């Protein structure tokens, strides 16, 4: 079953199936007046003599039950019976609870994008009279405004021309479904062999190298990730290799205090590679599990940045041959197409293994995730779904699709 079919079943079919149950519940809670009338005779008081006999019989019965109670012996349950009882009253499995919580996180984090994306599609559908060339031109503009990217918008528009005719889609709901289906199918196809997992060393310290322009939330991401693995029992170290930006070192040190993780640092204007060398050496000698390296993001001087990053990577690889295990590019989701430009430029500077998409909860144009996959062919590995410490999440493509498109499906 494809991703769109799962989405349709979860949000389209699910609501229709739930409706009869809801009606039955209402009927139970609010019985018809006729039932009240029929039950009235049962409330008539019995004759005094009958009442006295009934009361006496009830007292006698209670007395017998009370006197015989201590003599009843209850056999201890067998292990099999105990297990059966525990199974019946046991809470939901931890995995199921975690999955439900993750779904809720994505729904909350993508609320702005879902509303914005849905509003654009609905506005387009509200104005169309027929699915003609004007409609497809408007659709292309709508998708580009939603940050799905120019190439993606063109692909979707071309595919829809044939699909709308093939499915004979005339109703607004049908056209909307075809648009979402094509977006989801294209997104799924482009990510068929995509690796969204973070990779760790089989032995010795793991090194994550973070790159990205200033102001995208790179240092905050490092701090939150340090907290995650520290809380999981890992021994974590951070390296402040962004030595030229004013306040960058202090910012990472402050995060280190906040999450109780040590930071390797040198004075401002120091050689970034020297900081990284000390950090890698410390990580090896003191058996750290994870080293997170912050770097500069001065794209305006691309040659210097390239030389700096190349030198840092040489230092890391010389000390740990299979490191860095991840080179993660931090992008601000609220910057839209500008984030794509940054990704392309950093791709020329260093070999990026994955994207950290920050502030996804703060944009109404979450289509940027589709553009990253379809145009850059880089996996999104981490997403920022809020400001709380644990709102930096591993990227789940299926949860993302559900969170972005579910309202467009459910409303039909």
Protein backbone atom coordinates (compact mmCIF):
# COMPACT_ATOMS: atom_id res chain seq x y z
CA UNK A 1 0.00 0.00 0.00
CA UNK A 2 1.40 3.39 -1.03
CA UNK A 3 1.80 6.35 1.28
CA UNK A 4 -1.18 8.18 -0.22
CA UNK A 5 -3.43 5.12 0.24
CA UNK A 6 -2.39 4.96 3.91
CA UNK A 7 -3.14 8.66 4.26
CA UNK A 8 -6.53 8.23 2.61
CA UNK A 9 -7.42 5.26 4.80
CA UNK A 10 -6.21 6.95 8.00
CA UNK A 11 -7.97 10.28 7.50
CA UNK A 12 -10.52 9.78 4.74
CA UNK A 13 -12.01 6.36 5.50
CA UNK A 14 -11.37 6.56 9.23
CA UNK A 15 -13.77 9.45 9.76
CA UNK A 16 -16.54 7.85 7.73
CA UNK A 17 -16.26 4.63 9.70
CA UNK A 18 -16.33 6.44 13.02
CA UNK A 19 -19.60 8.24 12.31
CA UNK A 20 -22.10 5.36 13.03
CA UNK A 21 -20.33 4.68 16.31
CA UNK A 22 -20.72 8.33 17.28
CA UNK A 23 -24.44 8.27 16.44
CA UNK A 24 -24.90 5.10 18.50
CA UNK A 25 -23.15 6.76 21.46
CA UNK A 26 -25.42 9.80 21.25
CA UNK A 27 -28.50 7.58 21.11
CA UNK A 28 -27.36 5.70 24.19
CA UNK A 29 -26.62 8.86 26.17
CA UNK A 30 -29.89 10.54 25.10
CA UNK A 31 -32.68 7.88 25.06
CA UNK A 32 -35.94 8.64 23.34
CA UNK A 33 -38.79 10.07 25.46
CA UNK A 34 -40.83 6.91 24.83
CA UNK A 35 -38.37 4.86 26.87
CA UNK A 36 -38.89 7.19 29.83
CA UNK A 37 -42.68 6.77 29.70
CA UNK A 38 -42.45 2.99 29.51
CA UNK A 39 -40.17 2.77 32.51
CA UNK A 40 -42.46 4.86 34.79
CA UNK A 41 -44.67 2.00 36.13
CA UNK A 42 -41.59 0.29 37.53
CA UNK A 43 -41.18 3.16 39.96
CA UNK A 44 -44.61 2.61 41.68
CA UNK A 45 -44.31 1.99 45.46
CA UNK A 46 -45.28 -1.57 46.59
CA UNK A 47 -48.01 -2.10 49.21
CA UNK A 48 -46.83 -1.67 52.83
CA UNK A 49 -47.18 -5.38 53.67
CA UNK A 50 -45.29 -6.47 50.55
CA UNK A 51 -42.58 -3.91 51.26
CA UNK A 52 -42.11 -5.21 54.85
CA UNK A 53 -41.73 -8.81 53.65
CA UNK A 54 -39.32 -7.77 50.92
CA UNK A 55 -37.22 -5.75 53.37
CA UNK A 56 -37.07 -8.66 55.83
CA UNK A 57 -36.04 -11.05 53.06
CA UNK A 58 -33.27 -8.66 51.98
CA UNK A 59 -31.98 -8.39 55.58
CA UNK A 60 -32.00 -12.19 55.96
CA UNK A 61 -30.16 -12.59 52.65
CA UNK A 62 -27.47 -10.05 53.66
CA UNK A 63 -27.09 -11.76 57.02
CA UNK A 64 -26.52 -15.14 55.36
CA UNK A 65 -23.98 -13.64 52.92
CA UNK A 66 -22.13 -11.86 55.76
CA UNK A 67 -21.95 -14.93 57.98
CA UNK A 68 -20.77 -17.22 55.21
CA UNK A 69 -18.19 -14.78 53.81
CA UNK A 70 -15.21 -15.81 56.02
CA UNK A 71 -15.65 -19.46 55.08
CA UNK A 72 -15.09 -18.80 51.37
CA UNK A 73 -11.59 -19.75 50.23
CA UNK A 74 -10.20 -18.17 47.08
CA UNK A 75 -7.64 -20.26 45.25
CA UNK A 76 -4.44 -18.47 44.32
CA UNK A 77 -4.28 -17.75 40.59
CA UNK A 78 -1.97 -19.90 38.53
CA UNK A 79 0.96 -18.18 36.74
CA UNK A 80 -0.92 -18.52 33.45
CA UNK A 81 -4.03 -16.87 34.92
CA UNK A 82 -1.92 -14.06 36.43
CA UNK A 83 -0.26 -13.45 33.09
CA UNK A 84 -3.67 -13.34 31.40
CA UNK A 85 -4.98 -10.78 33.91
CA UNK A 86 -1.83 -8.67 33.58
CA UNK A 87 -2.16 -8.75 29.83
CA UNK A 88 -5.76 -7.54 30.02
CA UNK A 89 -5.05 -4.63 32.37
CA UNK A 90 -1.57 -3.80 31.07
CA UNK A 91 -1.08 -0.36 29.53
CA UNK A 92 -0.41 0.02 25.84
CA UNK A 93 3.08 -1.11 24.73
CA UNK A 94 5.76 1.58 25.04
CA UNK A 95 6.36 1.51 21.27
CA UNK A 96 2.69 2.21 20.53
CA UNK A 97 2.56 5.04 23.06
CA UNK A 98 5.77 6.52 21.61
CA UNK A 99 4.39 6.28 18.06
CA UNK A 100 1.18 8.08 19.06
CA UNK A 101 3.16 10.79 20.82
CA UNK A 102 5.39 11.23 17.74
CA UNK A 103 2.31 11.61 15.53
CA UNK A 104 0.98 14.32 17.86
CA UNK A 105 4.34 16.13 17.79
CA UNK A 106 4.29 16.24 13.99
CA UNK A 107 0.67 17.37 13.94
CA UNK A 108 1.47 20.22 16.36
CA UNK A 109 4.75 21.10 14.68
CA UNK A 110 3.23 21.22 11.20
CA UNK A 111 0.04 23.06 12.20
CA UNK A 112 1.09 26.31 10.49
CA UNK A 113 2.29 24.55 7.34
CA UNK A 114 -0.81 22.36 7.17
CA UNK A 115 -3.10 25.36 7.53
CA UNK A 116 -1.13 27.46 5.04
CA UNK A 117 -0.79 24.71 2.47
CA UNK A 118 -4.43 23.70 2.79
CA UNK A 119 -5.57 27.32 2.50
CA UNK A 120 -3.63 27.80 -0.74
CA UNK A 121 -5.02 24.64 -2.34
CA UNK A 122 -8.56 25.39 -1.15
CA UNK A 123 -8.37 28.97 -2.44
CA UNK A 124 -7.25 27.65 -5.83
CA UNK A 125 -10.09 25.09 -5.93
CA UNK A 126 -12.68 27.64 -4.78
CA UNK A 127 -11.95 29.86 -7.78
CA UNK A 128 -11.67 27.33 -10.56
CA UNK A 129 -14.51 26.77 -13.00
CA UNK A 130 -12.87 24.10 -15.13
CA UNK A 131 -9.58 22.21 -15.15
CA UNK A 132 -8.01 24.08 -18.06
CA UNK A 133 -4.63 25.64 -18.84
CA UNK A 134 -5.36 28.63 -16.58
CA UNK A 135 -6.00 26.23 -13.70
CA UNK A 136 -2.65 24.48 -14.17
CA UNK A 137 -0.78 27.80 -14.36
CA UNK A 138 -2.40 28.87 -11.11
CA UNK A 139 -1.57 25.51 -9.57
CA UNK A 140 2.11 25.92 -10.46
CA UNK A 141 2.18 29.36 -8.82
CA UNK A 142 0.38 28.01 -5.74
CA UNK A 143 2.87 25.16 -5.29
CA UNK A 144 5.85 27.46 -5.74
CA UNK A 145 4.40 29.81 -3.11
CA UNK A 146 4.12 26.80 -0.78
CA UNK A 147 7.89 26.28 -1.21
CA UNK A 148 7.69 22.90 -2.90
CA UNK A 149 10.22 24.26 -5.42
CA UNK A 150 10.05 25.23 -9.10
CA UNK A 151 11.07 21.84 -10.49
CA UNK A 152 8.62 19.99 -8.25
CA UNK A 153 5.78 22.37 -9.19
CA UNK A 154 6.44 21.76 -12.91
CA UNK A 155 6.57 17.97 -12.45
CA UNK A 156 3.32 17.93 -10.49
CA UNK A 157 1.56 20.16 -13.02
CA UNK A 158 2.64 17.98 -15.97
CA UNK A 159 1.60 14.77 -14.24
CA UNK A 160 -1.75 16.23 -13.19
CA UNK A 161 -2.69 17.16 -16.76
CA UNK A 162 -2.78 13.47 -17.67
CA UNK A 163 -4.03 12.17 -14.32
CA UNK A 164 -7.01 14.51 -14.03
CA UNK A 165 -8.17 13.44 -17.50
CA UNK A 166 -7.50 9.76 -16.74
CA UNK A 167 -9.45 9.84 -13.50
CA UNK A 168 -12.10 12.13 -14.97
CA UNK A 169 -11.79 14.33 -11.89
CA UNK A 170 -14.39 17.09 -11.99
CA UNK A 171 -15.41 17.68 -8.39
CA UNK A 172 -13.22 19.92 -6.23
CA UNK A 173 -12.62 17.13 -3.72
CA UNK A 174 -11.48 14.76 -6.49
CA UNK A 175 -9.10 17.33 -7.97
CA UNK A 176 -7.72 18.07 -4.51
CA UNK A 177 -7.13 14.35 -3.92
CA UNK A 178 -5.29 14.02 -7.23
CA UNK A 179 -3.03 16.98 -6.36
CA UNK A 180 -2.16 15.55 -2.95
CA UNK A 181 -1.75 12.04 -4.39
CA UNK A 182 0.75 13.26 -6.99
CA UNK A 183 2.70 15.28 -4.42
CA UNK A 184 2.88 12.29 -2.07
CA UNK A 185 3.73 9.80 -4.84
CA UNK A 186 6.51 12.00 -6.20
CA UNK A 187 7.86 12.58 -2.70
CA UNK A 188 7.78 8.85 -1.99
CA UNK A 189 9.42 7.92 -5.30
CA UNK A 190 12.26 10.44 -4.90
CA UNK A 191 13.03 9.08 -1.44
CA UNK A 192 12.90 5.39 -2.33
CA UNK A 193 16.55 4.71 -1.41
CA UNK A 194 16.95 7.64 0.97
CA UNK A 195 18.78 7.05 4.25
CA UNK A 196 17.23 9.18 7.02
CA UNK A 197 19.15 7.46 9.83
CA UNK A 198 22.00 9.00 11.81
CA UNK A 199 25.13 6.84 11.62
CA UNK A 200 27.39 6.02 14.55
CA UNK A 201 30.86 4.50 14.92
CA UNK A 202 31.01 0.76 15.53
CA UNK A 203 33.71 1.44 18.10
CA UNK A 204 35.36 4.53 19.53
CA UNK A 205 33.87 8.02 19.44
CA UNK A 206 31.29 9.10 16.85
CA UNK A 207 31.86 12.53 15.30
CA UNK A 208 29.05 14.74 13.95
CA UNK A 209 30.24 17.83 12.06
CA UNK A 210 27.67 20.66 11.80
CA UNK A 211 27.75 23.25 9.02
CA UNK A 212 25.40 26.08 8.05
CA UNK A 213 25.16 29.85 7.92
CA UNK A 214 24.88 31.92 11.07
CA UNK A 215 21.41 32.33 12.54
CA UNK A 216 19.80 29.10 11.31
CA UNK A 217 19.79 27.44 14.74
CA UNK A 218 22.94 25.36 14.30
CA UNK A 219 24.33 25.88 17.82
CA UNK A 220 20.90 25.35 19.39
CA UNK A 221 20.57 22.10 17.45
CA UNK A 222 23.93 20.92 18.78
CA UNK A 223 22.89 21.77 22.35
CA UNK A 224 19.58 19.91 22.04
CA UNK A 225 21.25 16.89 20.47
CA UNK A 226 23.85 16.86 23.27
CA UNK A 227 20.99 16.85 25.78
CA UNK A 228 19.27 13.94 24.00
CA UNK A 229 22.29 11.65 24.05
CA UNK A 230 23.45 12.75 27.48
CA UNK A 231 20.00 11.82 28.82
CA UNK A 232 20.30 8.47 27.04
CA UNK A 233 23.43 7.70 29.06
CA UNK A 234 26.03 8.59 26.41
CA UNK A 235 29.22 10.45 27.22
CA UNK A 236 29.02 13.59 25.04
CA UNK A 237 31.57 16.29 24.17
CA UNK A 238 31.12 19.50 22.16
CA UNK A 239 33.72 21.50 20.23
CA UNK A 240 33.41 25.28 19.67
CA UNK A 241 35.14 25.55 16.27
CA UNK A 242 33.25 28.68 15.17
CA UNK A 243 36.01 30.89 16.54
CA UNK A 244 35.50 34.06 14.48
CA UNK A 245 31.84 34.95 15.05
CA UNK A 246 31.39 37.18 18.08
CA UNK A 247 29.64 35.31 20.87
CA UNK A 248 29.62 31.92 19.11
CA UNK A 249 31.96 30.27 21.63
CA UNK A 250 30.07 31.71 24.61
CA UNK A 251 26.77 30.53 23.14
CA UNK A 252 27.97 26.92 22.93
CA UNK A 253 29.56 27.10 26.38
CA UNK A 254 26.23 28.32 27.77
CA UNK A 255 24.51 25.36 26.17
CA UNK A 256 27.16 23.10 27.70
CA UNK A 257 26.31 24.40 31.18
CA UNK A 258 22.61 24.04 30.51
CA UNK A 259 22.79 20.39 29.44
CA UNK A 260 25.80 19.45 31.61
CA UNK A 261 28.13 18.66 28.69
CA UNK A 262 31.78 19.72 28.48
CA UNK A 263 32.89 22.07 25.68
CA UNK A 264 36.39 22.19 24.17
CA UNK A 265 37.20 25.80 23.40
CA UNK A 266 40.02 28.24 22.63
CA UNK A 267 40.13 32.05 22.58
CA UNK A 268 38.36 33.92 19.77
CA UNK A 269 40.21 34.08 16.44
CA UNK A 270 41.99 30.79 17.20
CA UNK A 271 42.53 28.23 14.42
CA UNK A 272 39.27 26.21 14.22
CA UNK A 273 41.18 23.07 13.19
CA UNK A 274 43.31 23.34 16.37
CA UNK A 275 40.11 23.34 18.48
CA UNK A 276 38.84 20.27 16.65
CA UNK A 277 42.20 18.48 17.04
CA UNK A 278 42.08 18.96 20.81
CA UNK A 279 38.45 17.83 20.95
CA UNK A 280 39.08 14.66 18.91
CA UNK A 281 42.15 13.82 21.01
CA UNK A 282 40.15 14.29 24.23
CA UNK A 283 37.24 12.22 22.88
CA UNK A 284 39.61 9.32 22.10
CA UNK A 285 41.67 9.45 25.28
CA UNK A 286 38.70 9.83 27.66
CA UNK A 287 36.36 7.35 25.94
CA UNK A 288 33.64 9.75 24.83
CA UNK A 289 30.77 8.25 22.85
CA UNK A 290 29.89 11.32 20.80
CA UNK A 291 31.66 14.50 19.68
CA UNK A 292 29.54 17.34 18.23
CA UNK A 293 31.53 19.95 16.30
CA UNK A 294 30.21 23.48 15.66
CA UNK A 295 31.75 25.33 12.68
CA UNK A 296 31.64 28.76 11.05
CA UNK A 297 29.10 29.62 8.35
CA UNK A 298 30.59 32.51 6.44
CA UNK A 299 29.29 31.79 2.94
CA UNK A 300 30.19 35.30 1.78
CA UNK A 301 33.81 34.16 1.68
CA UNK A 302 33.34 30.73 0.20
CA UNK A 303 37.04 30.06 -0.56
CA UNK A 304 38.11 30.63 3.05
CA UNK A 305 35.17 28.58 4.34
CA UNK A 306 36.02 25.72 2.00
CA UNK A 307 39.66 25.70 3.09
CA UNK A 308 38.64 25.84 6.76
CA UNK A 309 36.16 22.96 6.51
CA UNK A 310 38.57 20.84 4.46
CA UNK A 311 41.26 21.35 7.09
CA UNK A 312 38.85 20.43 9.92
CA UNK A 313 37.78 17.27 8.12
CA UNK A 314 41.41 16.27 7.46
CA UNK A 315 42.19 16.63 11.17
CA UNK A 316 39.18 14.50 12.14
CA UNK A 317 39.89 11.76 9.56
CA UNK A 318 43.57 11.61 10.46
CA UNK A 319 42.68 10.82 14.09
CA UNK A 320 39.56 8.70 13.39
CA UNK A 321 39.75 7.24 9.85
CA UNK A 322 35.98 6.68 9.33
CA UNK A 323 34.98 10.06 10.78
CA UNK A 324 33.16 12.39 10.53
CA UNK A 325 30.29 9.93 10.62
CA UNK A 326 27.78 12.66 9.73
CA UNK A 327 28.18 16.07 8.10
CA UNK A 328 24.89 17.76 8.93
CA UNK A 329 23.77 20.97 7.24
CA UNK A 330 21.44 23.12 9.34
CA UNK A 331 18.78 24.98 7.34
CA UNK A 332 16.10 27.38 8.59
CA UNK A 333 12.71 26.19 7.24
CA UNK A 334 11.27 29.72 7.51
CA UNK A 335 13.69 31.01 4.84
CA UNK A 336 12.02 28.91 2.13
CA UNK A 337 13.80 28.84 -1.21
CA UNK A 338 16.80 30.63 0.30
CA UNK A 339 17.44 27.43 2.27
CA UNK A 340 17.72 25.54 -1.03
CA UNK A 341 20.29 28.04 -2.27
CA UNK A 342 22.33 27.63 0.92
CA UNK A 343 22.19 23.85 0.60
CA UNK A 344 23.49 23.98 -2.97
CA UNK A 345 26.34 26.29 -1.96
CA UNK A 346 27.37 24.18 1.03
CA UNK A 347 27.16 21.10 -1.19
CA UNK A 348 29.94 22.66 -3.27
CA UNK A 349 32.03 23.31 -0.14
CA UNK A 350 31.71 19.99 1.70
CA UNK A 351 30.13 16.56 1.35
CA UNK A 352 26.87 16.91 3.27
CA UNK A 353 25.35 13.62 4.48
CA UNK A 354 22.07 15.01 5.76
CA UNK A 355 19.91 18.04 6.58
CA UNK A 356 18.80 19.40 9.94
CA UNK A 357 15.68 21.44 9.20
CA UNK A 358 15.15 23.89 12.05
CA UNK A 359 12.05 25.97 12.91
CA UNK A 360 9.70 23.80 10.85
CA UNK A 361 6.97 24.67 13.33
CA UNK A 362 7.39 28.38 12.54
CA UNK A 363 6.60 28.34 8.82
CA UNK A 364 3.35 28.15 6.88
CA UNK A 365 5.27 26.81 3.88
CA UNK A 366 6.41 23.34 4.91
CA UNK A 367 6.65 22.30 1.25
CA UNK A 368 10.39 23.03 1.59
CA UNK A 369 10.83 19.41 2.75
CA UNK A 370 9.47 18.19 -0.59
CA UNK A 371 11.79 20.57 -2.46
CA UNK A 372 14.86 19.39 -0.50
CA UNK A 373 14.13 15.77 -1.39
CA UNK A 374 13.08 16.33 -4.99
CA UNK A 375 15.69 18.91 -6.00
CA UNK A 376 18.68 18.36 -3.71
CA UNK A 377 18.33 14.60 -3.16
CA UNK A 378 19.63 15.04 0.37
CA UNK A 379 17.95 13.25 3.27
CA UNK A 380 16.40 15.31 6.05
CA UNK A 381 17.64 13.59 9.22
CA UNK A 382 16.50 15.91 12.02
CA UNK A 383 13.67 18.44 12.29
CA UNK A 384 12.86 21.18 14.79
CA UNK A 385 9.17 20.89 15.71
CA UNK A 386 9.14 23.37 18.59
CA UNK A 387 11.20 25.30 21.11
CA UNK A 388 11.30 22.70 23.89
CA UNK A 389 14.45 20.68 24.54
CA UNK A 390 12.95 17.45 23.18
CA UNK A 391 11.31 19.03 20.14
CA UNK A 392 14.35 18.25 17.98
CA UNK A 393 13.19 14.97 16.43
CA UNK A 394 14.51 12.32 14.08
CA UNK A 395 12.82 12.95 10.75
CA UNK A 396 9.99 10.55 9.95
CA UNK A 397 8.86 10.93 6.29
CA UNK A 398 5.52 9.19 6.87
CA UNK A 399 4.65 11.32 9.90
CA UNK A 400 5.64 14.41 7.92
CA UNK A 401 3.29 13.53 5.05
CA UNK A 402 0.44 12.80 7.48
CA UNK A 403 1.07 16.04 9.36
CA UNK A 404 1.16 18.19 6.21
CA UNK A 405 -1.68 16.75 4.12
CA UNK A 406 -4.16 15.16 6.51
CA UNK A 407 -6.62 18.08 6.58
CA UNK A 408 -6.90 18.12 2.78
CA UNK A 409 -7.90 14.45 2.87
CA UNK A 410 -10.00 14.43 6.06
CA UNK A 411 -12.27 17.29 5.02
CA UNK A 412 -13.63 15.23 2.13
